[in-house]
Amino acid sequence: MDFDQVAVNGANSNHIKKGGVIMASTIYDVAARAGLSVGAISKYINAKSISVAILLPMLDSTFCTSMISSIESTLLPLGYSVIVCECHNHAEMELRKTQYLIDRMVYG
């Protein structure tokens, strides 16, 4: 597929410009532009669009649990799952858990 350019819409690159007309991009457009299969793009989109992670040094404070509760009450109605990880104030564990979350392609 021939693309004139990708039109960036804020943080979302979900539009393309074809022949001077800006159109919503499809999964096929994204796959062609990225040089990947539709299946690979679909897996990436599905994995990223449903999970948000919270990585905290410790879960032993009322502030942390209150924050998690507020985040979940905001995101759950929007269809997101919330993953909570505790690194126990250890840098190595923080790196391992961060890599775990990256491997699962969490949204944020």
PDB file of N, CA and C in Angstrom:
ATOM      1  N   MET A   1       0.851  -1.174   0.000  1.00  0.00           N
ATOM      2  CA  MET A   1       0.000   0.000   0.000  1.00  0.00           C
ATOM      3  C   MET A   1       0.893   1.232   0.000  1.00  0.00           C
ATOM      4  N   ASP A   2       0.567   2.229  -0.785  1.00  0.00           N
ATOM      5  CA  ASP A   2       1.368   3.437  -0.884  1.00  0.00           C
ATOM      6  C   ASP A   2       0.824   4.508   0.044  1.00  0.00           C
ATOM      7  N   PHE A   3       1.675   5.037   0.908  1.00  0.00           N
ATOM      8  CA  PHE A   3       1.266   6.064   1.854  1.00  0.00           C
ATOM      9  C   PHE A   3       1.927   7.379   1.487  1.00  0.00           C
ATOM     10  N   ASP A   4       1.155   8.458   1.507  1.00  0.00           N
ATOM     11  CA  ASP A   4       1.743   9.776   1.325  1.00  0.00           C
ATOM     12  C   ASP A   4       2.475  10.184   2.594  1.00  0.00           C
ATOM     13  N   GLN A   5       1.811  10.029   3.740  1.00  0.00           N
ATOM     14  CA  GLN A   5       2.406  10.351   5.043  1.00  0.00           C
ATOM     15  C   GLN A   5       1.471   9.873   6.127  1.00  0.00           C
ATOM     16  N   VAL A   6       1.986   9.785   7.322  1.00  0.00           N
ATOM     17  CA  VAL A   6       1.149   9.456   8.467  1.00  0.00           C
ATOM     18  C   VAL A   6       0.776  10.760   9.140  1.00  0.00           C
ATOM     19  N   ALA A   7      -0.516  10.976   9.355  1.00  0.00           N
ATOM     20  CA  ALA A   7      -0.981  12.174  10.039  1.00  0.00           C
ATOM     21  C   ALA A   7      -1.061  11.854  11.534  1.00  0.00           C
ATOM     22  N   VAL A   8      -0.358  12.588  12.336  1.00  0.00           N
ATOM     23  CA  VAL A   8      -0.324  12.333  13.766  1.00  0.00           C
ATOM     24  C   VAL A   8      -1.442  13.110  14.432  1.00  0.00           C
ATOM     25  N   ASN A   9      -2.254  12.404  15.205  1.00  0.00           N
ATOM     26  CA  ASN A   9      -3.384  12.999  15.904  1.00  0.00           C
ATOM     27  C   ASN A   9      -3.092  12.946  17.394  1.00  0.00           C
ATOM     28  N   GLY A  10      -2.406  13.963  17.926  1.00  0.00           N
ATOM     29  CA  GLY A  10      -2.024  13.968  19.331  1.00  0.00           C
ATOM     30  C   GLY A  10      -1.135  12.782  19.623  1.00  0.00           C
ATOM     31  N   ALA A  11      -1.471  12.033  20.671  1.00  0.00           N
ATOM     32  CA  ALA A  11      -0.697  10.849  21.035  1.00  0.00           C
ATOM     33  C   ALA A  11      -1.085   9.654  20.189  1.00  0.00           C
ATOM     34  N   ASN A  12      -2.170   9.764  19.436  1.00  0.00           N
ATOM     35  CA  ASN A  12      -2.653   8.634  18.638  1.00  0.00           C
ATOM     36  C   ASN A  12      -2.305   8.835  17.176  1.00  0.00           C
ATOM     37  N   SER A  13      -1.598   7.878  16.613  1.00  0.00           N
ATOM     38  CA  SER A  13      -1.320   7.910  15.174  1.00  0.00           C
ATOM     39  C   SER A  13      -2.325   7.004  14.492  1.00  0.00           C
ATOM     40  N   ASN A  14      -3.585   7.417  14.512  1.00  0.00           N
ATOM     41  CA  ASN A  14      -4.631   6.546  14.000  1.00  0.00           C
ATOM     42  C   ASN A  14      -5.259   7.060  12.718  1.00  0.00           C
ATOM     43  N   HIS A  15      -4.569   7.956  12.040  1.00  0.00           N
ATOM     44  CA  HIS A  15      -5.054   8.455  10.758  1.00  0.00           C
ATOM     45  C   HIS A  15      -3.904   8.436   9.757  1.00  0.00           C
ATOM     46  N   ILE A  16      -4.236   8.225   8.505  1.00  0.00           N
ATOM     47  CA  ILE A  16      -3.256   8.276   7.432  1.00  0.00           C
ATOM     48  C   ILE A  16      -3.750   9.238   6.368  1.00  0.00           C
ATOM     49  N   LYS A  17      -2.826   9.720   5.584  1.00  0.00           N
ATOM     50  CA  LYS A  17      -3.191  10.619   4.495  1.00  0.00           C
ATOM     51  C   LYS A  17      -2.930   9.900   3.187  1.00  0.00           C
ATOM     52  N   LYS A  18      -4.000   9.662   2.425  1.00  0.00           N
ATOM     53  CA  LYS A  18      -3.907   8.987   1.134  1.00  0.00           C
ATOM     54  C   LYS A  18      -4.441   9.928   0.064  1.00  0.00           C
ATOM     55  N   GLY A  19      -3.613  10.231  -0.903  1.00  0.00           N
ATOM     56  CA  GLY A  19      -4.046  11.081  -2.004  1.00  0.00           C
ATOM     57  C   GLY A  19      -4.587  12.417  -1.536  1.00  0.00           C
ATOM     58  N   GLY A  20      -4.027  12.964  -0.468  1.00  0.00           N
ATOM     59  CA  GLY A  20      -4.453  14.258   0.040  1.00  0.00           C
ATOM     60  C   GLY A  20      -5.647  14.225   0.974  1.00  0.00           C
ATOM     61  N   VAL A  21      -6.216  13.032   1.212  1.00  0.00           N
ATOM     62  CA  VAL A  21      -7.380  12.898   2.073  1.00  0.00           C
ATOM     63  C   VAL A  21      -6.976  12.160   3.350  1.00  0.00           C
ATOM     64  N   ILE A  22      -7.292  12.730   4.515  1.00  0.00           N
ATOM     65  CA  ILE A  22      -6.988  12.075   5.780  1.00  0.00           C
ATOM     66  C   ILE A  22      -8.104  11.087   6.092  1.00  0.00           C
ATOM     67  N   MET A  23      -7.710   9.833   6.321  1.00  0.00           N
ATOM     68  CA  MET A  23      -8.670   8.760   6.582  1.00  0.00           C
ATOM     69  C   MET A  23      -8.245   8.019   7.845  1.00  0.00           C
ATOM     70  N   ALA A  24      -9.205   7.389   8.515  1.00  0.00           N
ATOM     71  CA  ALA A  24      -8.875   6.542   9.651  1.00  0.00           C
ATOM     72  C   ALA A  24      -8.086   5.350   9.148  1.00  0.00           C
ATOM     73  N   SER A  25      -6.979   5.045   9.813  1.00  0.00           N
ATOM     74  CA  SER A  25      -6.182   3.909   9.382  1.00  0.00           C
ATOM     75  C   SER A  25      -6.792   2.612   9.890  1.00  0.00           C
ATOM     76  N   THR A  26      -6.604   1.567   9.125  1.00  0.00           N
ATOM     77  CA  THR A  26      -7.093   0.244   9.502  1.00  0.00           C
ATOM     78  C   THR A  26      -5.919  -0.574  10.011  1.00  0.00           C
ATOM     79  N   ILE A  27      -6.215  -1.732  10.571  1.00  0.00           N
ATOM     80  CA  ILE A  27      -5.152  -2.615  11.032  1.00  0.00           C
ATOM     81  C   ILE A  27      -4.275  -3.054   9.862  1.00  0.00           C
ATOM     82  N   TYR A  28      -4.855  -3.142   8.670  1.00  0.00           N
ATOM     83  CA  TYR A  28      -4.090  -3.508   7.479  1.00  0.00           C
ATOM     84  C   TYR A  28      -3.106  -2.406   7.102  1.00  0.00           C
ATOM     85  N   ASP A  29      -3.539  -1.143   7.251  1.00  0.00           N
ATOM     86  CA  ASP A  29      -2.655  -0.009   6.985  1.00  0.00           C
ATOM     87  C   ASP A  29      -1.477   0.001   7.955  1.00  0.00           C
ATOM     88  N   VAL A  30      -1.777  -0.228   9.222  1.00  0.00           N
ATOM     89  CA  VAL A  30      -0.734  -0.229  10.250  1.00  0.00           C
ATOM     90  C   VAL A  30       0.257  -1.362   9.987  1.00  0.00           C
ATOM     91  N   ALA A  31      -0.243  -2.545   9.664  1.00  0.00           N
ATOM     92  CA  ALA A  31       0.621  -3.693   9.388  1.00  0.00           C
ATOM     93  C   ALA A  31       1.523  -3.422   8.186  1.00  0.00           C
ATOM     94  N   ALA A  32       0.954  -2.869   7.132  1.00  0.00           N
ATOM     95  CA  ALA A  32       1.743  -2.569   5.930  1.00  0.00           C
ATOM     96  C   ALA A  32       2.812  -1.531   6.235  1.00  0.00           C
ATOM     97  N   ARG A  33       2.452  -0.500   6.956  1.00  0.00           N
ATOM     98  CA  ARG A  33       3.396   0.571   7.293  1.00  0.00           C
ATOM     99  C   ARG A  33       4.525   0.056   8.181  1.00  0.00           C
ATOM    100  N   ALA A  34       4.199  -0.860   9.112  1.00  0.00           N
ATOM    101  CA  ALA A  34       5.193  -1.391  10.035  1.00  0.00           C
ATOM    102  C   ALA A  34       5.970  -2.558   9.448  1.00  0.00           C
ATOM    103  N   GLY A  35       5.496  -3.105   8.324  1.00  0.00           N
ATOM    104  CA  GLY A  35       6.156  -4.259   7.725  1.00  0.00           C
ATOM    105  C   GLY A  35       5.932  -5.532   8.525  1.00  0.00           C
ATOM    106  N   LEU A  36       4.795  -5.613   9.227  1.00  0.00           N
ATOM    107  CA  LEU A  36       4.460  -6.772  10.049  1.00  0.00           C
ATOM    108  C   LEU A  36       3.170  -7.402   9.557  1.00  0.00           C
ATOM    109  N   SER A  37       2.900  -8.606  10.060  1.00  0.00           N
ATOM    110  CA  SER A  37       1.651  -9.265   9.699  1.00  0.00           C
ATOM    111  C   SER A  37       0.491  -8.640  10.468  1.00  0.00           C
ATOM    112  N   VAL A  38      -0.709  -8.809   9.951  1.00  0.00           N
ATOM    113  CA  VAL A  38      -1.905  -8.318  10.625  1.00  0.00           C
ATOM    114  C   VAL A  38      -2.043  -8.991  11.991  1.00  0.00           C
ATOM    115  N   GLY A  39      -1.712 -10.279  12.070  1.00  0.00           N
ATOM    116  CA  GLY A  39      -1.775 -11.010  13.334  1.00  0.00           C
ATOM    117  C   GLY A  39      -0.860 -10.422  14.390  1.00  0.00           C
ATOM    118  N   ALA A  40       0.352 -10.045  13.988  1.00  0.00           N
ATOM    119  CA  ALA A  40       1.298  -9.454  14.940  1.00  0.00           C
ATOM    120  C   ALA A  40       0.789  -8.116  15.446  1.00  0.00           C
ATOM    121  N   ILE A  41       0.241  -7.305  14.567  1.00  0.00           N
ATOM    122  CA  ILE A  41      -0.307  -6.009  14.966  1.00  0.00           C
ATOM    123  C   ILE A  41      -1.501  -6.209  15.883  1.00  0.00           C
ATOM    124  N   SER A  42      -2.368  -7.149  15.545  1.00  0.00           N
ATOM    125  CA  SER A  42      -3.549  -7.419  16.353  1.00  0.00           C
ATOM    126  C   SER A  42      -3.161  -7.847  17.762  1.00  0.00           C
ATOM    127  N   LYS A  43      -2.171  -8.735  17.860  1.00  0.00           N
ATOM    128  CA  LYS A  43      -1.706  -9.192  19.175  1.00  0.00           C
ATOM    129  C   LYS A  43      -1.168  -8.018  19.986  1.00  0.00           C
ATOM    130  N   TYR A  44      -0.399  -7.157  19.339  1.00  0.00           N
ATOM    131  CA  TYR A  44       0.181  -5.998  20.013  1.00  0.00           C
ATOM    132  C   TYR A  44      -0.909  -5.039  20.484  1.00  0.00           C
ATOM    133  N   ILE A  45      -1.865  -4.754  19.629  1.00  0.00           N
ATOM    134  CA  ILE A  45      -2.946  -3.826  19.983  1.00  0.00           C
ATOM    135  C   ILE A  45      -3.774  -4.389  21.128  1.00  0.00           C
ATOM    136  N   ASN A  46      -4.151  -5.650  21.052  1.00  0.00           N
ATOM    137  CA  ASN A  46      -4.956  -6.256  22.112  1.00  0.00           C
ATOM    138  C   ASN A  46      -4.213  -6.303  23.430  1.00  0.00           C
ATOM    139  N   ALA A  47      -2.931  -6.620  23.391  1.00  0.00           N
ATOM    140  CA  ALA A  47      -2.161  -6.695  24.630  1.00  0.00           C
ATOM    141  C   ALA A  47      -1.991  -5.314  25.253  1.00  0.00           C
ATOM    142  N   LYS A  48      -1.759  -4.314  24.433  1.00  0.00           N
ATOM    143  CA  LYS A  48      -1.513  -2.977  24.987  1.00  0.00           C
ATOM    144  C   LYS A  48      -2.772  -2.284  25.431  1.00  0.00           C
ATOM    145  N   SER A  49      -3.878  -2.596  24.855  1.00  0.00           N
ATOM    146  CA  SER A  49      -5.053  -1.763  25.092  1.00  0.00           C
ATOM    147  C   SER A  49      -5.849  -2.163  26.312  1.00  0.00           C
ATOM    148  N   ILE A  50      -5.447  -3.211  27.034  1.00  0.00           N
ATOM    149  CA  ILE A  50      -6.297  -3.645  28.126  1.00  0.00           C
ATOM    150  C   ILE A  50      -5.648  -3.601  29.502  1.00  0.00           C
ATOM    151  N   SER A  51      -4.348  -3.390  29.586  1.00  0.00           N
ATOM    152  CA  SER A  51      -3.679  -3.446  30.880  1.00  0.00           C
ATOM    153  C   SER A  51      -2.872  -2.196  31.169  1.00  0.00           C
ATOM    154  N   VAL A  52      -2.993  -1.729  32.397  1.00  0.00           N
ATOM    155  CA  VAL A  52      -2.188  -0.618  32.896  1.00  0.00           C
ATOM    156  C   VAL A  52      -1.504  -1.127  34.158  1.00  0.00           C
ATOM    157  N   ALA A  53      -0.213  -0.819  34.305  1.00  0.00           N
ATOM    158  CA  ALA A  53       0.540  -1.322  35.451  1.00  0.00           C
ATOM    159  C   ALA A  53       0.838  -0.211  36.451  1.00  0.00           C
ATOM    160  N   ILE A  54       0.887  -0.617  37.709  1.00  0.00           N
ATOM    161  CA  ILE A  54       1.314   0.264  38.789  1.00  0.00           C
ATOM    162  C   ILE A  54       2.467  -0.453  39.479  1.00  0.00           C
ATOM    163  N   LEU A  55       3.652   0.138  39.439  1.00  0.00           N
ATOM    164  CA  LEU A  55       4.828  -0.438  40.076  1.00  0.00           C
ATOM    165  C   LEU A  55       5.197   0.456  41.248  1.00  0.00           C
ATOM    166  N   LEU A  56       5.087  -0.101  42.435  1.00  0.00           N
ATOM    167  CA  LEU A  56       5.309   0.664  43.661  1.00  0.00           C
ATOM    168  C   LEU A  56       6.457   0.074  44.468  1.00  0.00           C
ATOM    169  N   PRO A  57       7.161   0.927  45.225  1.00  0.00           N
ATOM    170  CA  PRO A  57       8.246   0.405  46.065  1.00  0.00           C
ATOM    171  C   PRO A  57       7.721  -0.472  47.202  1.00  0.00           C
ATOM    172  N   MET A  58       6.615  -0.100  47.805  1.00  0.00           N
ATOM    173  CA  MET A  58       6.013  -0.866  48.905  1.00  0.00           C
ATOM    174  C   MET A  58       4.504  -0.664  48.865  1.00  0.00           C
ATOM    175  N   LEU A  59       3.767  -1.666  49.313  1.00  0.00           N
ATOM    176  CA  LEU A  59       2.300  -1.586  49.349  1.00  0.00           C
ATOM    177  C   LEU A  59       1.771  -1.436  50.766  1.00  0.00           C
ATOM    178  N   ASP A  60       2.621  -1.044  51.691  1.00  0.00           N
ATOM    179  CA  ASP A  60       2.236  -1.049  53.095  1.00  0.00           C
ATOM    180  C   ASP A  60       1.643   0.265  53.606  1.00  0.00           C
ATOM    181  N   SER A  61       1.411   1.212  52.724  1.00  0.00           N
ATOM    182  CA  SER A  61       0.855   2.487  53.196  1.00  0.00           C
ATOM    183  C   SER A  61      -0.586   2.676  52.735  1.00  0.00           C
ATOM    184  N   THR A  62      -1.325   3.395  53.523  1.00  0.00           N
ATOM    185  CA  THR A  62      -2.705   3.729  53.167  1.00  0.00           C
ATOM    186  C   THR A  62      -2.738   4.578  51.902  1.00  0.00           C
ATOM    187  N   PHE A  63      -1.734   5.431  51.737  1.00  0.00           N
ATOM    188  CA  PHE A  63      -1.667   6.273  50.553  1.00  0.00           C
ATOM    189  C   PHE A  63      -1.615   5.414  49.286  1.00  0.00           C
ATOM    190  N   CYS A  64      -0.754   4.384  49.279  1.00  0.00           N
ATOM    191  CA  CYS A  64      -0.615   3.521  48.097  1.00  0.00           C
ATOM    192  C   CYS A  64      -1.909   2.783  47.786  1.00  0.00           C
ATOM    193  N   THR A  65      -2.518   2.207  48.805  1.00  0.00           N
ATOM    194  CA  THR A  65      -3.753   1.458  48.553  1.00  0.00           C
ATOM    195  C   THR A  65      -4.883   2.386  48.123  1.00  0.00           C
ATOM    196  N   SER A  66      -4.912   3.579  48.661  1.00  0.00           N
ATOM    197  CA  SER A  66      -5.919   4.559  48.246  1.00  0.00           C
ATOM    198  C   SER A  66      -5.700   4.976  46.790  1.00  0.00           C
ATOM    199  N   MET A  67      -4.434   5.156  46.421  1.00  0.00           N
ATOM    200  CA  MET A  67      -4.100   5.539  45.054  1.00  0.00           C
ATOM    201  C   MET A  67      -4.507   4.422  44.086  1.00  0.00           C
ATOM    202  N   ILE A  68      -4.199   3.174  44.427  1.00  0.00           N
ATOM    203  CA  ILE A  68      -4.565   2.036  43.577  1.00  0.00           C
ATOM    204  C   ILE A  68      -6.075   1.970  43.412  1.00  0.00           C
ATOM    205  N   SER A  69      -6.791   2.148  44.505  1.00  0.00           N
ATOM    206  CA  SER A  69      -8.252   2.114  44.460  1.00  0.00           C
ATOM    207  C   SER A  69      -8.805   3.192  43.527  1.00  0.00           C
ATOM    208  N   SER A  70      -8.254   4.400  43.605  1.00  0.00           N
ATOM    209  CA  SER A  70      -8.701   5.504  42.748  1.00  0.00           C
ATOM    210  C   SER A  70      -8.400   5.226  41.280  1.00  0.00           C
ATOM    211  N   ILE A  71      -7.205   4.707  41.016  1.00  0.00           N
ATOM    212  CA  ILE A  71      -6.826   4.394  39.631  1.00  0.00           C
ATOM    213  C   ILE A  71      -7.759   3.331  39.065  1.00  0.00           C
ATOM    214  N   GLU A  72      -8.001   2.270  39.847  1.00  0.00           N
ATOM    215  CA  GLU A  72      -8.888   1.204  39.372  1.00  0.00           C
ATOM    216  C   GLU A  72     -10.311   1.699  39.149  1.00  0.00           C
ATOM    217  N   SER A  73     -10.822   2.508  40.058  1.00  0.00           N
ATOM    218  CA  SER A  73     -12.201   2.978  39.895  1.00  0.00           C
ATOM    219  C   SER A  73     -12.349   3.862  38.660  1.00  0.00           C
ATOM    220  N   THR A  74     -11.258   4.480  38.222  1.00  0.00           N
ATOM    221  CA  THR A  74     -11.291   5.293  37.008  1.00  0.00           C
ATOM    222  C   THR A  74     -11.138   4.436  35.760  1.00  0.00           C
ATOM    223  N   LEU A  75     -10.229   3.465  35.794  1.00  0.00           N
ATOM    224  CA  LEU A  75      -9.894   2.714  34.584  1.00  0.00           C
ATOM    225  C   LEU A  75     -10.789   1.510  34.303  1.00  0.00           C
ATOM    226  N   LEU A  76     -11.261   0.838  35.345  1.00  0.00           N
ATOM    227  CA  LEU A  76     -12.086  -0.355  35.125  1.00  0.00           C
ATOM    228  C   LEU A  76     -13.322  -0.089  34.268  1.00  0.00           C
ATOM    229  N   PRO A  77     -14.067   1.013  34.505  1.00  0.00           N
ATOM    230  CA  PRO A  77     -15.226   1.281  33.640  1.00  0.00           C
ATOM    231  C   PRO A  77     -14.851   1.550  32.180  1.00  0.00           C
ATOM    232  N   LEU A  78     -13.579   1.891  31.945  1.00  0.00           N
ATOM    233  CA  LEU A  78     -13.114   2.144  30.580  1.00  0.00           C
ATOM    234  C   LEU A  78     -12.603   0.874  29.904  1.00  0.00           C
ATOM    235  N   GLY A  79     -12.663  -0.256  30.616  1.00  0.00           N
ATOM    236  CA  GLY A  79     -12.269  -1.523  30.032  1.00  0.00           C
ATOM    237  C   GLY A  79     -10.825  -1.925  30.278  1.00  0.00           C
ATOM    238  N   TYR A  80     -10.107  -1.194  31.108  1.00  0.00           N
ATOM    239  CA  TYR A  80      -8.718  -1.516  31.402  1.00  0.00           C
ATOM    240  C   TYR A  80      -8.621  -2.403  32.633  1.00  0.00           C
ATOM    241  N   SER A  81      -7.635  -3.288  32.615  1.00  0.00           N
ATOM    242  CA  SER A  81      -7.272  -4.053  33.799  1.00  0.00           C
ATOM    243  C   SER A  81      -6.080  -3.357  34.437  1.00  0.00           C
ATOM    244  N   VAL A  82      -5.973  -3.460  35.751  1.00  0.00           N
ATOM    245  CA  VAL A  82      -4.873  -2.834  36.464  1.00  0.00           C
ATOM    246  C   VAL A  82      -3.998  -3.926  37.067  1.00  0.00           C
ATOM    247  N   ILE A  83      -2.717  -3.870  36.771  1.00  0.00           N
ATOM    248  CA  ILE A  83      -1.739  -4.804  37.321  1.00  0.00           C
ATOM    249  C   ILE A  83      -0.909  -4.045  38.345  1.00  0.00           C
ATOM    250  N   VAL A  84      -0.854  -4.567  39.566  1.00  0.00           N
ATOM    251  CA  VAL A  84      -0.101  -3.919  40.631  1.00  0.00           C
ATOM    252  C   VAL A  84       1.119  -4.771  40.954  1.00  0.00           C
ATOM    253  N   CYS A  85       2.295  -4.145  40.959  1.00  0.00           N
ATOM    254  CA  CYS A  85       3.543  -4.821  41.292  1.00  0.00           C
ATOM    255  C   CYS A  85       4.249  -4.051  42.399  1.00  0.00           C
ATOM    256  N   GLU A  86       4.847  -4.803  43.300  1.00  0.00           N
ATOM    257  CA  GLU A  86       5.614  -4.221  44.399  1.00  0.00           C
ATOM    258  C   GLU A  86       7.063  -4.669  44.242  1.00  0.00           C
ATOM    259  N   CYS A  87       8.010  -3.736  44.357  1.00  0.00           N
ATOM    260  CA  CYS A  87       9.421  -4.094  44.178  1.00  0.00           C
ATOM    261  C   CYS A  87      10.197  -4.125  45.496  1.00  0.00           C
ATOM    262  N   HIS A  88       9.533  -3.889  46.613  1.00  0.00           N
ATOM    263  CA  HIS A  88      10.137  -4.000  47.941  1.00  0.00           C
ATOM    264  C   HIS A  88      11.391  -3.137  48.103  1.00  0.00           C
ATOM    265  N   ASN A  89      11.410  -2.001  47.450  1.00  0.00           N
ATOM    266  CA  ASN A  89      12.545  -1.067  47.519  1.00  0.00           C
ATOM    267  C   ASN A  89      13.869  -1.679  47.068  1.00  0.00           C
ATOM    268  N   HIS A  90      13.824  -2.661  46.167  1.00  0.00           N
ATOM    269  CA  HIS A  90      15.031  -3.283  45.629  1.00  0.00           C
ATOM    270  C   HIS A  90      15.149  -2.942  44.145  1.00  0.00           C
ATOM    271  N   ALA A  91      16.259  -2.335  43.776  1.00  0.00           N
ATOM    272  CA  ALA A  91      16.463  -1.897  42.393  1.00  0.00           C
ATOM    273  C   ALA A  91      16.431  -3.065  41.412  1.00  0.00           C
ATOM    274  N   GLU A  92      17.054  -4.201  41.779  1.00  0.00           N
ATOM    275  CA  GLU A  92      17.082  -5.351  40.879  1.00  0.00           C
ATOM    276  C   GLU A  92      15.681  -5.908  40.655  1.00  0.00           C
ATOM    277  N   MET A  93      14.894  -5.988  41.712  1.00  0.00           N
ATOM    278  CA  MET A  93      13.527  -6.480  41.569  1.00  0.00           C
ATOM    279  C   MET A  93      12.685  -5.505  40.743  1.00  0.00           C
ATOM    280  N   GLU A  94      12.929  -4.220  40.911  1.00  0.00           N
ATOM    281  CA  GLU A  94      12.213  -3.213  40.111  1.00  0.00           C
ATOM    282  C   GLU A  94      12.505  -3.414  38.630  1.00  0.00           C
ATOM    283  N   LEU A  95      13.766  -3.673  38.295  1.00  0.00           N
ATOM    284  CA  LEU A  95      14.128  -3.915  36.893  1.00  0.00           C
ATOM    285  C   LEU A  95      13.476  -5.183  36.367  1.00  0.00           C
ATOM    286  N   ARG A  96      13.471  -6.262  37.163  1.00  0.00           N
ATOM    287  CA  ARG A  96      12.842  -7.515  36.730  1.00  0.00           C
ATOM    288  C   ARG A  96      11.349  -7.338  36.507  1.00  0.00           C
ATOM    289  N   LYS A  97      10.697  -6.643  37.425  1.00  0.00           N
ATOM    290  CA  LYS A  97       9.248  -6.450  37.282  1.00  0.00           C
ATOM    291  C   LYS A  97       8.929  -5.502  36.134  1.00  0.00           C
ATOM    292  N   THR A  98       9.775  -4.511  35.925  1.00  0.00           N
ATOM    293  CA  THR A  98       9.591  -3.613  34.781  1.00  0.00           C
ATOM    294  C   THR A  98       9.698  -4.401  33.480  1.00  0.00           C
ATOM    295  N   GLN A  99      10.695  -5.284  33.385  1.00  0.00           N
ATOM    296  CA  GLN A  99      10.841  -6.109  32.188  1.00  0.00           C
ATOM    297  C   GLN A  99       9.644  -7.028  32.000  1.00  0.00           C
ATOM    298  N   TYR A 100       9.144  -7.588  33.088  1.00  0.00           N
ATOM    299  CA  TYR A 100       7.951  -8.428  33.042  1.00  0.00           C
ATOM    300  C   TYR A 100       6.777  -7.656  32.424  1.00  0.00           C
ATOM    301  N   LEU A 101       6.597  -6.422  32.875  1.00  0.00           N
ATOM    302  CA  LEU A 101       5.495  -5.603  32.364  1.00  0.00           C
ATOM    303  C   LEU A 101       5.694  -5.223  30.914  1.00  0.00           C
ATOM    304  N   ILE A 102       6.945  -4.933  30.542  1.00  0.00           N
ATOM    305  CA  ILE A 102       7.243  -4.619  29.145  1.00  0.00           C
ATOM    306  C   ILE A 102       6.952  -5.824  28.261  1.00  0.00           C
ATOM    307  N   ASP A 103       7.349  -7.010  28.725  1.00  0.00           N
ATOM    308  CA  ASP A 103       7.104  -8.238  27.961  1.00  0.00           C
ATOM    309  C   ASP A 103       5.622  -8.492  27.744  1.00  0.00           C
ATOM    310  N   ARG A 104       4.796  -8.046  28.661  1.00  0.00           N
ATOM    311  CA  ARG A 104       3.349  -8.226  28.525  1.00  0.00           C
ATOM    312  C   ARG A 104       2.700  -7.042  27.824  1.00  0.00           C
ATOM    313  N   MET A 105       3.499  -6.106  27.379  1.00  0.00           N
ATOM    314  CA  MET A 105       3.045  -4.947  26.608  1.00  0.00           C
ATOM    315  C   MET A 105       1.910  -4.195  27.285  1.00  0.00           C
ATOM    316  N   VAL A 106       2.095  -3.902  28.564  1.00  0.00           N
ATOM    317  CA  VAL A 106       1.070  -3.119  29.261  1.00  0.00           C
ATOM    318  C   VAL A 106       1.019  -1.726  28.658  1.00  0.00           C
ATOM    319  N   TYR A 107      -0.126  -1.104  28.758  1.00  0.00           N
ATOM    320  CA  TYR A 107      -0.347   0.200  28.135  1.00  0.00           C
ATOM    321  C   TYR A 107       0.457   1.296  28.814  1.00  0.00           C
ATOM    322  N   GLY A 108       0.544   1.260  30.092  1.00  0.00           N
ATOM    323  CA  GLY A 108       1.271   2.321  30.798  1.00  0.00           C
ATOM    324  C   GLY A 108       1.579   1.944  32.204  1.00  0.00           C
TER     325      GLY A 108
END
